[in-house]
C-alpha atoms as a PDB file:
ATOM      1  CA  UNK A   1     -97.261 124.252 -38.573  1.00  0.00           C
ATOM      2  CA  UNK A   2     -94.996 126.856 -39.300  1.00  0.00           C
ATOM      3  CA  UNK A   3     -94.838 127.525 -43.107  1.00  0.00           C
ATOM      4  CA  UNK A   4     -97.649 127.732 -45.599  1.00  0.00           C
ATOM      5  CA  UNK A   5     -97.557 128.433 -49.354  1.00  0.00           C
ATOM      6  CA  UNK A   6     -99.637 131.158 -50.737  1.00  0.00           C
ATOM      7  CA  UNK A   7    -100.852 130.603 -54.431  1.00  0.00           C
ATOM      8  CA  UNK A   8    -102.756 132.678 -57.050  1.00  0.00           C
ATOM      9  CA  UNK A   9    -105.322 131.628 -59.676  1.00  0.00           C
ATOM     10  CA  UNK A  10    -105.352 133.545 -62.844  1.00  0.00           C
ATOM     11  CA  UNK A  11    -108.699 133.739 -64.517  1.00  0.00           C
ATOM     12  CA  UNK A  12    -110.076 132.840 -67.166  1.00  0.00           C
ATOM     13  CA  UNK A  13    -107.067 130.663 -67.975  1.00  0.00           C
ATOM     14  CA  UNK A  14    -106.967 128.811 -64.666  1.00  0.00           C
ATOM     15  CA  UNK A  15    -103.388 129.291 -64.631  1.00  0.00           C
ATOM     16  CA  UNK A  16    -101.974 128.718 -61.053  1.00  0.00           C
ATOM     17  CA  UNK A  17     -98.775 130.033 -59.349  1.00  0.00           C
ATOM     18  CA  UNK A  18     -97.333 129.521 -55.990  1.00  0.00           C
ATOM     19  CA  UNK A  19     -96.382 133.459 -55.124  1.00  0.00           C
ATOM     20  CA  UNK A  20     -95.382 133.644 -51.539  1.00  0.00           C
ATOM     21  CA  UNK A  21     -94.460 131.954 -48.254  1.00  0.00           C
ATOM     22  CA  UNK A  22     -96.314 132.756 -45.092  1.00  0.00           C
ATOM     23  CA  UNK A  23     -94.161 131.606 -41.976  1.00  0.00           C
ATOM     24  CA  UNK A  24     -94.368 131.898 -38.029  1.00  0.00           C
ATOM     25  CA  UNK A  25     -91.588 131.389 -35.494  1.00  0.00           C
ATOM     26  CA  UNK A  26     -93.877 131.498 -32.574  1.00  0.00           C
ATOM     27  CA  UNK A  27     -93.313 135.286 -31.980  1.00  0.00           C
ATOM     28  CA  UNK A  28     -94.042 136.819 -35.237  1.00  0.00           C
ATOM     29  CA  UNK A  29     -95.602 136.367 -38.781  1.00  0.00           C
ATOM     30  CA  UNK A  30     -93.464 136.610 -41.882  1.00  0.00           C
ATOM     31  CA  UNK A  31     -94.409 136.956 -45.404  1.00  0.00           C
ATOM     32  CA  UNK A  32     -92.106 136.727 -48.539  1.00  0.00           C
ATOM     33  CA  UNK A  33     -93.000 136.583 -52.362  1.00  0.00           C
ATOM     34  CA  UNK A  34     -91.532 133.541 -53.998  1.00  0.00           C
ATOM     35  CA  UNK A  35     -89.939 133.249 -57.614  1.00  0.00           C
ATOM     36  CA  UNK A  36     -93.509 132.075 -58.733  1.00  0.00           C
ATOM     37  CA  UNK A  37     -94.744 135.550 -58.242  1.00  0.00           C
ATOM     38  CA  UNK A  38     -92.244 136.953 -60.906  1.00  0.00           C
ATOM     39  CA  UNK A  39     -93.112 134.249 -63.166  1.00  0.00           C
ATOM     40  CA  UNK A  40     -97.116 134.984 -62.805  1.00  0.00           C
ATOM     41  CA  UNK A  41     -96.310 138.790 -63.273  1.00  0.00           C
ATOM     42  CA  UNK A  42     -94.448 138.034 -66.624  1.00  0.00           C
ATOM     43  CA  UNK A  43     -97.071 135.280 -67.862  1.00  0.00           C
ATOM     44  CA  UNK A  44    -100.251 136.543 -66.452  1.00  0.00           C
ATOM     45  CA  UNK A  45     -99.915 140.160 -65.292  1.00  0.00           C
ATOM     46  CA  UNK A  46     -99.816 139.355 -61.648  1.00  0.00           C
ATOM     47  CA  UNK A  47     -99.497 142.487 -59.468  1.00  0.00           C
ATOM     48  CA  UNK A  48     -98.134 142.438 -55.811  1.00  0.00           C
ATOM     49  CA  UNK A  49    -100.779 142.045 -53.201  1.00  0.00           C
ATOM     50  CA  UNK A  50    -102.045 145.350 -51.401  1.00  0.00           C
ATOM     51  CA  UNK A  51    -100.665 144.322 -48.161  1.00  0.00           C
ATOM     52  CA  UNK A  52     -97.142 143.272 -49.758  1.00  0.00           C
ATOM     53  CA  UNK A  53     -96.440 145.860 -52.326  1.00  0.00           C
ATOM     54  CA  UNK A  54     -92.615 145.106 -52.651  1.00  0.00           C
ATOM     55  CA  UNK A  55     -91.458 142.095 -54.285  1.00  0.00           C
ATOM     56  CA  UNK A  56     -88.125 141.620 -52.710  1.00  0.00           C
ATOM     57  CA  UNK A  57     -89.072 142.520 -49.012  1.00  0.00           C
ATOM     58  CA  UNK A  58     -89.660 140.239 -46.149  1.00  0.00           C
ATOM     59  CA  UNK A  59     -92.850 141.602 -44.249  1.00  0.00           C
ATOM     60  CA  UNK A  60     -93.067 140.906 -40.435  1.00  0.00           C
ATOM     61  CA  UNK A  61     -95.938 141.371 -37.887  1.00  0.00           C
ATOM     62  CA  UNK A  62     -96.629 140.383 -34.307  1.00  0.00           C
ATOM     63  CA  UNK A  63    -100.375 139.306 -35.382  1.00  0.00           C
ATOM     64  CA  UNK A  64    -101.254 137.228 -38.562  1.00  0.00           C
ATOM     65  CA  UNK A  65    -101.832 139.654 -41.577  1.00  0.00           C
ATOM     66  CA  UNK A  66    -105.218 140.677 -42.142  1.00  0.00           C
ATOM     67  CA  UNK A  67    -105.155 139.393 -45.683  1.00  0.00           C
ATOM     68  CA  UNK A  68    -104.852 135.821 -44.194  1.00  0.00           C
ATOM     69  CA  UNK A  69    -106.748 136.335 -40.903  1.00  0.00           C
ATOM     70  CA  UNK A  70    -109.884 137.376 -42.699  1.00  0.00           C
ATOM     71  CA  UNK A  71    -110.006 133.898 -44.287  1.00  0.00           C
ATOM     72  CA  UNK A  72    -110.701 132.354 -40.805  1.00  0.00           C
ATOM     73  CA  UNK A  73    -113.870 132.374 -38.799  1.00  0.00           C
ATOM     74  CA  UNK A  74    -113.738 134.406 -35.521  1.00  0.00           C
ATOM     75  CA  UNK A  75    -113.650 132.126 -32.510  1.00  0.00           C
ATOM     76  CA  UNK A  76    -116.424 134.361 -31.188  1.00  0.00           C
ATOM     77  CA  UNK A  77    -119.050 133.298 -33.984  1.00  0.00           C
ATOM     78  CA  UNK A  78    -121.479 130.919 -32.810  1.00  0.00           C
ATOM     79  CA  UNK A  79    -120.675 128.528 -35.806  1.00  0.00           C
ATOM     80  CA  UNK A  80    -117.090 128.342 -34.857  1.00  0.00           C
ATOM     81  CA  UNK A  81    -117.212 125.022 -33.338  1.00  0.00           C
ATOM     82  CA  UNK A  82    -118.950 123.639 -36.345  1.00  0.00           C
ATOM     83  CA  UNK A  83    -115.911 125.115 -38.252  1.00  0.00           C
ATOM     84  CA  UNK A  84    -113.482 122.934 -36.416  1.00  0.00           C
ATOM     85  CA  UNK A  85    -115.519 120.024 -36.554  1.00  0.00           C
ATOM     86  CA  UNK A  86    -115.807 120.524 -40.404  1.00  0.00           C
ATOM     87  CA  UNK A  87    -111.868 120.520 -40.593  1.00  0.00           C
ATOM     88  CA  UNK A  88    -111.593 117.478 -38.292  1.00  0.00           C
ATOM     89  CA  UNK A  89    -109.763 119.301 -35.662  1.00  0.00           C
ATOM     90  CA  UNK A  90    -110.113 119.152 -31.974  1.00  0.00           C
ATOM     91  CA  UNK A  91    -112.331 121.938 -30.259  1.00  0.00           C
ATOM     92  CA  UNK A  92    -109.300 123.263 -28.584  1.00  0.00           C
ATOM     93  CA  UNK A  93    -107.282 124.118 -31.803  1.00  0.00           C
ATOM     94  CA  UNK A  94    -106.434 127.460 -32.269  1.00  0.00           C
ATOM     95  CA  UNK A  95    -103.271 127.665 -34.409  1.00  0.00           C
ATOM     96  CA  UNK A  96    -104.110 130.017 -37.220  1.00  0.00           C
ATOM     97  CA  UNK A  97    -101.774 128.461 -39.545  1.00  0.00           C
ATOM     98  CA  UNK A  98    -103.139 125.181 -39.205  1.00  0.00           C
ATOM     99  CA  UNK A  99    -106.555 126.416 -39.559  1.00  0.00           C
ATOM    100  CA  UNK A 100    -105.899 127.921 -42.769  1.00  0.00           C
ATOM    101  CA  UNK A 101    -103.842 124.985 -44.048  1.00  0.00           C
ATOM    102  CA  UNK A 102    -106.601 122.504 -43.548  1.00  0.00           C
ATOM    103  CA  UNK A 103    -109.283 125.099 -44.733  1.00  0.00           C
ATOM    104  CA  UNK A 104    -107.369 126.301 -47.717  1.00  0.00           C
ATOM    105  CA  UNK A 105    -108.200 129.656 -46.741  1.00  0.00           C
ATOM    106  CA  UNK A 106    -110.381 130.303 -50.106  1.00  0.00           C
ATOM    107  CA  UNK A 107    -113.010 133.037 -50.135  1.00  0.00           C
ATOM    108  CA  UNK A 108    -115.753 133.180 -52.944  1.00  0.00           C
ATOM    109  CA  UNK A 109    -114.566 135.065 -55.955  1.00  0.00           C
ATOM    110  CA  UNK A 110    -111.048 135.183 -54.671  1.00  0.00           C
ATOM    111  CA  UNK A 111    -108.072 134.070 -56.418  1.00  0.00           C
ATOM    112  CA  UNK A 112    -105.584 133.297 -53.330  1.00  0.00           C
ATOM    113  CA  UNK A 113    -105.300 130.041 -51.517  1.00  0.00           C
ATOM    114  CA  UNK A 114    -102.951 128.599 -49.093  1.00  0.00           C
ATOM    115  CA  UNK A 115    -101.543 125.134 -48.546  1.00  0.00           C
ATOM    116  CA  UNK A 116     -99.096 123.542 -46.397  1.00  0.00           C
ATOM    117  CA  UNK A 117     -95.861 121.333 -47.120  1.00  0.00           C
ATOM    118  CA  UNK A 118     -96.335 117.677 -46.794  1.00  0.00           C
ATOM    119  CA  UNK A 119     -96.250 116.072 -43.406  1.00  0.00           C
ATOM    120  CA  UNK A 120     -93.962 113.240 -43.054  1.00  0.00           C
ATOM    121  CA  UNK A 121     -94.477 110.702 -40.498  1.00  0.00           C
ATOM    122  CA  UNK A 122     -91.777 108.337 -39.062  1.00  0.00           C
ATOM    123  CA  UNK A 123     -92.378 105.685 -41.692  1.00  0.00           C
ATOM    124  CA  UNK A 124     -91.479 107.775 -44.491  1.00  0.00           C
ATOM    125  CA  UNK A 125     -95.139 108.548 -45.688  1.00  0.00           C
ATOM    126  CA  UNK A 126     -95.965 112.111 -46.973  1.00  0.00           C
ATOM    127  CA  UNK A 127     -99.513 112.987 -45.759  1.00  0.00           C
ATOM    128  CA  UNK A 128    -101.842 115.846 -47.283  1.00  0.00           C
ATOM    129  CA  UNK A 129    -105.554 116.838 -46.128  1.00  0.00           C
ATOM    130  CA  UNK A 130    -107.618 118.771 -48.647  1.00  0.00           C
ATOM    131  CA  UNK A 131    -111.066 119.426 -49.537  1.00  0.00           C
ATOM    132  CA  UNK A 132    -112.319 118.132 -52.654  1.00  0.00           C
ATOM    133  CA  UNK A 133    -113.037 121.155 -55.210  1.00  0.00           C
ATOM    134  CA  UNK A 134    -115.361 122.405 -57.552  1.00  0.00           C
ATOM    135  CA  UNK A 135    -118.206 120.506 -56.215  1.00  0.00           C
ATOM    136  CA  UNK A 136    -120.513 123.073 -57.756  1.00  0.00           C
ATOM    137  CA  UNK A 137    -120.114 121.806 -60.976  1.00  0.00           C
ATOM    138  CA  UNK A 138    -121.152 118.397 -60.053  1.00  0.00           C
ATOM    139  CA  UNK A 139    -124.749 116.785 -60.793  1.00  0.00           C
ATOM    140  CA  UNK A 140    -127.119 116.210 -57.975  1.00  0.00           C
ATOM    141  CA  UNK A 141    -126.508 112.317 -58.426  1.00  0.00           C
ATOM    142  CA  UNK A 142    -122.764 112.783 -57.691  1.00  0.00           C
ATOM    143  CA  UNK A 143    -123.604 115.123 -54.487  1.00  0.00           C
ATOM    144  CA  UNK A 144    -125.810 112.505 -53.275  1.00  0.00           C
ATOM    145  CA  UNK A 145    -123.175 110.046 -53.664  1.00  0.00           C
ATOM    146  CA  UNK A 146    -120.622 112.287 -51.603  1.00  0.00           C
ATOM    147  CA  UNK A 147    -123.185 112.246 -48.822  1.00  0.00           C
ATOM    148  CA  UNK A 148    -123.216 108.341 -48.761  1.00  0.00           C
ATOM    149  CA  UNK A 149    -119.432 108.169 -48.456  1.00  0.00           C
ATOM    150  CA  UNK A 150    -117.908 106.799 -45.446  1.00  0.00           C
ATOM    151  CA  UNK A 151    -114.560 107.541 -43.630  1.00  0.00           C
ATOM    152  CA  UNK A 152    -111.676 105.519 -45.331  1.00  0.00           C
ATOM    153  CA  UNK A 153    -113.539 104.870 -48.773  1.00  0.00           C
ATOM    154  CA  UNK A 154    -111.022 104.842 -51.520  1.00  0.00           C
ATOM    155  CA  UNK A 155    -110.858 107.675 -54.023  1.00  0.00           C
ATOM    156  CA  UNK A 156    -108.795 107.488 -57.352  1.00  0.00           C
ATOM    157  CA  UNK A 157    -107.158 110.381 -59.063  1.00  0.00           C
ATOM    158  CA  UNK A 158    -107.676 110.862 -62.650  1.00  0.00           C
ATOM    159  CA  UNK A 159    -105.856 113.282 -64.799  1.00  0.00           C
ATOM    160  CA  UNK A 160    -108.228 115.147 -67.078  1.00  0.00           C
ATOM    161  CA  UNK A 161    -107.189 117.632 -69.879  1.00  0.00           C
ATOM    162  CA  UNK A 162    -109.970 119.728 -71.527  1.00  0.00           C
ATOM    163  CA  UNK A 163    -110.735 122.918 -73.175  1.00  0.00           C
ATOM    164  CA  UNK A 164    -112.417 125.649 -71.186  1.00  0.00           C
ATOM    165  CA  UNK A 165    -113.079 129.210 -72.256  1.00  0.00           C
ATOM    166  CA  UNK A 166    -110.628 128.658 -75.144  1.00  0.00           C
ATOM    167  CA  UNK A 167    -107.950 127.621 -72.741  1.00  0.00           C
ATOM    168  CA  UNK A 168    -106.288 123.940 -72.304  1.00  0.00           C
ATOM    169  CA  UNK A 169    -107.331 123.176 -68.452  1.00  0.00           C
ATOM    170  CA  UNK A 170    -105.840 120.370 -66.790  1.00  0.00           C
ATOM    171  CA  UNK A 171    -107.356 118.927 -63.550  1.00  0.00           C
ATOM    172  CA  UNK A 172    -106.855 115.913 -61.605  1.00  0.00           C
ATOM    173  CA  UNK A 173    -110.333 114.396 -60.877  1.00  0.00           C
ATOM    174  CA  UNK A 174    -111.402 112.446 -57.828  1.00  0.00           C
ATOM    175  CA  UNK A 175    -113.564 109.332 -58.391  1.00  0.00           C
ATOM    176  CA  UNK A 176    -115.086 106.512 -56.386  1.00  0.00           C
ATOM    177  CA  UNK A 177    -113.768 103.030 -57.105  1.00  0.00           C
ATOM    178  CA  UNK A 178    -116.873 102.629 -59.437  1.00  0.00           C
ATOM    179  CA  UNK A 179    -116.079 105.478 -61.289  1.00  0.00           C
ATOM    180  CA  UNK A 180    -118.432 108.355 -59.705  1.00  0.00           C
ATOM    181  CA  UNK A 181    -116.525 111.692 -60.135  1.00  0.00           C
ATOM    182  CA  UNK A 182    -116.815 113.386 -56.838  1.00  0.00           C
ATOM    183  CA  UNK A 183    -114.784 116.562 -57.425  1.00  0.00           C
ATOM    184  CA  UNK A 184    -111.092 117.615 -58.309  1.00  0.00           C
ATOM    185  CA  UNK A 185    -107.830 117.745 -56.141  1.00  0.00           C
ATOM    186  CA  UNK A 186    -106.404 121.021 -55.379  1.00  0.00           C
ATOM    187  CA  UNK A 187    -104.155 122.485 -57.957  1.00  0.00           C
ATOM    188  CA  UNK A 188    -100.901 122.086 -56.078  1.00  0.00           C
ATOM    189  CA  UNK A 189    -101.471 118.279 -56.585  1.00  0.00           C
ATOM    190  CA  UNK A 190    -100.748 118.832 -60.150  1.00  0.00           C
ATOM    191  CA  UNK A 191     -97.200 118.805 -59.443  1.00  0.00           C
ATOM    192  CA  UNK A 192     -95.460 116.716 -61.910  1.00  0.00           C
ATOM    193  CA  UNK A 193     -93.727 114.523 -59.133  1.00  0.00           C
ATOM    194  CA  UNK A 194     -97.271 113.698 -57.861  1.00  0.00           C
ATOM    195  CA  UNK A 195     -98.520 113.032 -61.252  1.00  0.00           C
ATOM    196  CA  UNK A 196     -95.625 110.637 -62.011  1.00  0.00           C
ATOM    197  CA  UNK A 197     -96.510 108.862 -58.916  1.00  0.00           C
ATOM    198  CA  UNK A 198    -100.076 108.496 -59.895  1.00  0.00           C
ATOM    199  CA  UNK A 199     -98.717 105.831 -62.243  1.00  0.00           C
ATOM    200  CA  UNK A 200     -97.554 103.990 -59.583  1.00  0.00           C
ATOM    201  CA  UNK A 201    -100.548 103.200 -57.537  1.00  0.00           C
ATOM    202  CA  UNK A 202     -99.046 101.277 -55.003  1.00  0.00           C
ATOM    203  CA  UNK A 203     -97.267 104.300 -53.553  1.00  0.00           C
ATOM    204  CA  UNK A 204    -100.536 106.686 -53.544  1.00  0.00           C
ATOM    205  CA  UNK A 205    -103.531 106.367 -51.590  1.00  0.00           C
ATOM    206  CA  UNK A 206    -106.504 108.751 -51.271  1.00  0.00           C
ATOM    207  CA  UNK A 207    -109.189 108.009 -48.931  1.00  0.00           C
ATOM    208  CA  UNK A 208    -112.189 109.944 -47.559  1.00  0.00           C
ATOM    209  CA  UNK A 209    -111.356 111.507 -44.338  1.00  0.00           C
ATOM    210  CA  UNK A 210    -114.649 113.145 -43.439  1.00  0.00           C
ATOM    211  CA  UNK A 211    -117.961 113.963 -45.099  1.00  0.00           C
ATOM    212  CA  UNK A 212    -119.851 117.184 -43.626  1.00  0.00           C
ATOM    213  CA  UNK A 213    -123.603 117.089 -44.348  1.00  0.00           C
ATOM    214  CA  UNK A 214    -125.502 120.109 -44.854  1.00  0.00           C
ATOM    215  CA  UNK A 215    -125.664 122.885 -43.500  1.00  0.00           C
ATOM    216  CA  UNK A 216    -122.065 122.539 -43.790  1.00  0.00           C
ATOM    217  CA  UNK A 217    -120.656 124.859 -46.828  1.00  0.00           C
ATOM    218  CA  UNK A 218    -120.380 122.894 -50.170  1.00  0.00           C
ATOM    219  CA  UNK A 219    -116.359 123.633 -50.126  1.00  0.00           C
ATOM    220  CA  UNK A 220    -116.106 121.972 -46.691  1.00  0.00           C
ATOM    221  CA  UNK A 221    -118.392 119.022 -47.747  1.00  0.00           C
ATOM    222  CA  UNK A 222    -115.619 116.274 -48.559  1.00  0.00           C
ATOM    223  CA  UNK A 223    -112.347 116.093 -46.646  1.00  0.00           C
ATOM    224  CA  UNK A 224    -109.831 113.873 -48.267  1.00  0.00           C
ATOM    225  CA  UNK A 225    -106.533 112.349 -46.938  1.00  0.00           C
ATOM    226  CA  UNK A 226    -103.697 111.592 -49.339  1.00  0.00           C
ATOM    227  CA  UNK A 227    -100.832 109.573 -48.168  1.00  0.00           C
ATOM    228  CA  UNK A 228     -97.824 109.164 -50.536  1.00  0.00           C
ATOM    229  CA  UNK A 229     -94.720 106.792 -50.041  1.00  0.00           C
ATOM    230  CA  UNK A 230     -91.738 109.034 -49.995  1.00  0.00           C
ATOM    231  CA  UNK A 231     -88.321 108.550 -51.634  1.00  0.00           C
ATOM    232  CA  UNK A 232     -87.485 107.988 -55.226  1.00  0.00           C
ATOM    233  CA  UNK A 233     -87.073 111.406 -56.013  1.00  0.00           C
ATOM    234  CA  UNK A 234     -90.484 112.563 -54.636  1.00  0.00           C
ATOM    235  CA  UNK A 235     -89.666 116.250 -53.477  1.00  0.00           C
ATOM    236  CA  UNK A 236     -92.924 118.128 -53.687  1.00  0.00           C
ATOM    237  CA  UNK A 237     -92.731 121.839 -53.842  1.00  0.00           C
ATOM    238  CA  UNK A 238     -89.147 121.938 -53.921  1.00  0.00           C
ATOM    239  CA  UNK A 239     -88.548 123.798 -57.308  1.00  0.00           C
ATOM    240  CA  UNK A 240     -87.357 127.243 -57.634  1.00  0.00           C
ATOM    241  CA  UNK A 241     -91.152 128.532 -57.748  1.00  0.00           C
ATOM    242  CA  UNK A 242     -91.262 128.117 -54.111  1.00  0.00           C
ATOM    243  CA  UNK A 243     -88.320 129.695 -53.052  1.00  0.00           C
ATOM    244  CA  UNK A 244     -88.297 133.198 -51.599  1.00  0.00           C
ATOM    245  CA  UNK A 245     -87.125 135.721 -54.186  1.00  0.00           C
ATOM    246  CA  UNK A 246     -84.696 136.989 -51.837  1.00  0.00           C
ATOM    247  CA  UNK A 247     -82.820 133.203 -51.814  1.00  0.00           C
ATOM    248  CA  UNK A 248     -83.171 133.401 -55.566  1.00  0.00           C
ATOM    249  CA  UNK A 249     -81.516 136.863 -56.043  1.00  0.00           C
ATOM    250  CA  UNK A 250     -78.840 135.817 -53.573  1.00  0.00           C
ATOM    251  CA  UNK A 251     -78.187 132.546 -55.985  1.00  0.00           C
ATOM    252  CA  UNK A 252     -78.093 134.413 -59.188  1.00  0.00           C
ATOM    253  CA  UNK A 253     -76.936 137.706 -58.263  1.00  0.00           C
ATOM    254  CA  UNK A 254     -79.879 139.109 -60.372  1.00  0.00           C
ATOM    255  CA  UNK A 255     -82.123 142.012 -59.440  1.00  0.00           C
ATOM    256  CA  UNK A 256     -85.863 142.500 -59.646  1.00  0.00           C
ATOM    257  CA  UNK A 257     -86.882 144.654 -62.500  1.00  0.00           C
END
């Protein structure tokens, strides 16, 4: 794991933008804004993060930047082994980017999240791991159903559009095969390519990877595994919004105002 995308959620509209890339070469960490940050600024007033004040600069650090390291449990905490178990990672795993990728790096009342690019296996399958989102809005009956799910159980993505706080909101809901809603997919799976593939169910499979019962935090309750057959123009996270601002400037000759 050497690259993560960083996204920002605007409230109350729930607009979502990829705003940066966090990378590691094994010796240092780097952060650079992507073109999505400029779009977020223009559309929703996004401002540079306190740790990274300049749009067109690449930041380097021998240690993981605190804005990201603060999103992980410290290994010295007594519940750290439980944290690794909730993520379904081996007890010896200590790669900060992998831990961020699997956990999502979200914090309560925080607008940032991180996510990795797809993992492609030798058969051309693209793999994603994620936790089902917004379980706090589910009725107790649905939460009980989640607790009874088993690894390998199939889940179905359903695109939903509704009005919330006066804004049109699109979500990709997760349901069991008999129609019980058990949360939402992350917003990065609302990529148009993925929505198109949802119309080709033979190419998409979402299964339960692991259910973490209480006292696991609700945000880590339902770990899912998505496998997508690649090819056919499926290129997630390849739009200009995901490209570093510096490469966009080089391509267009533009300047950041």
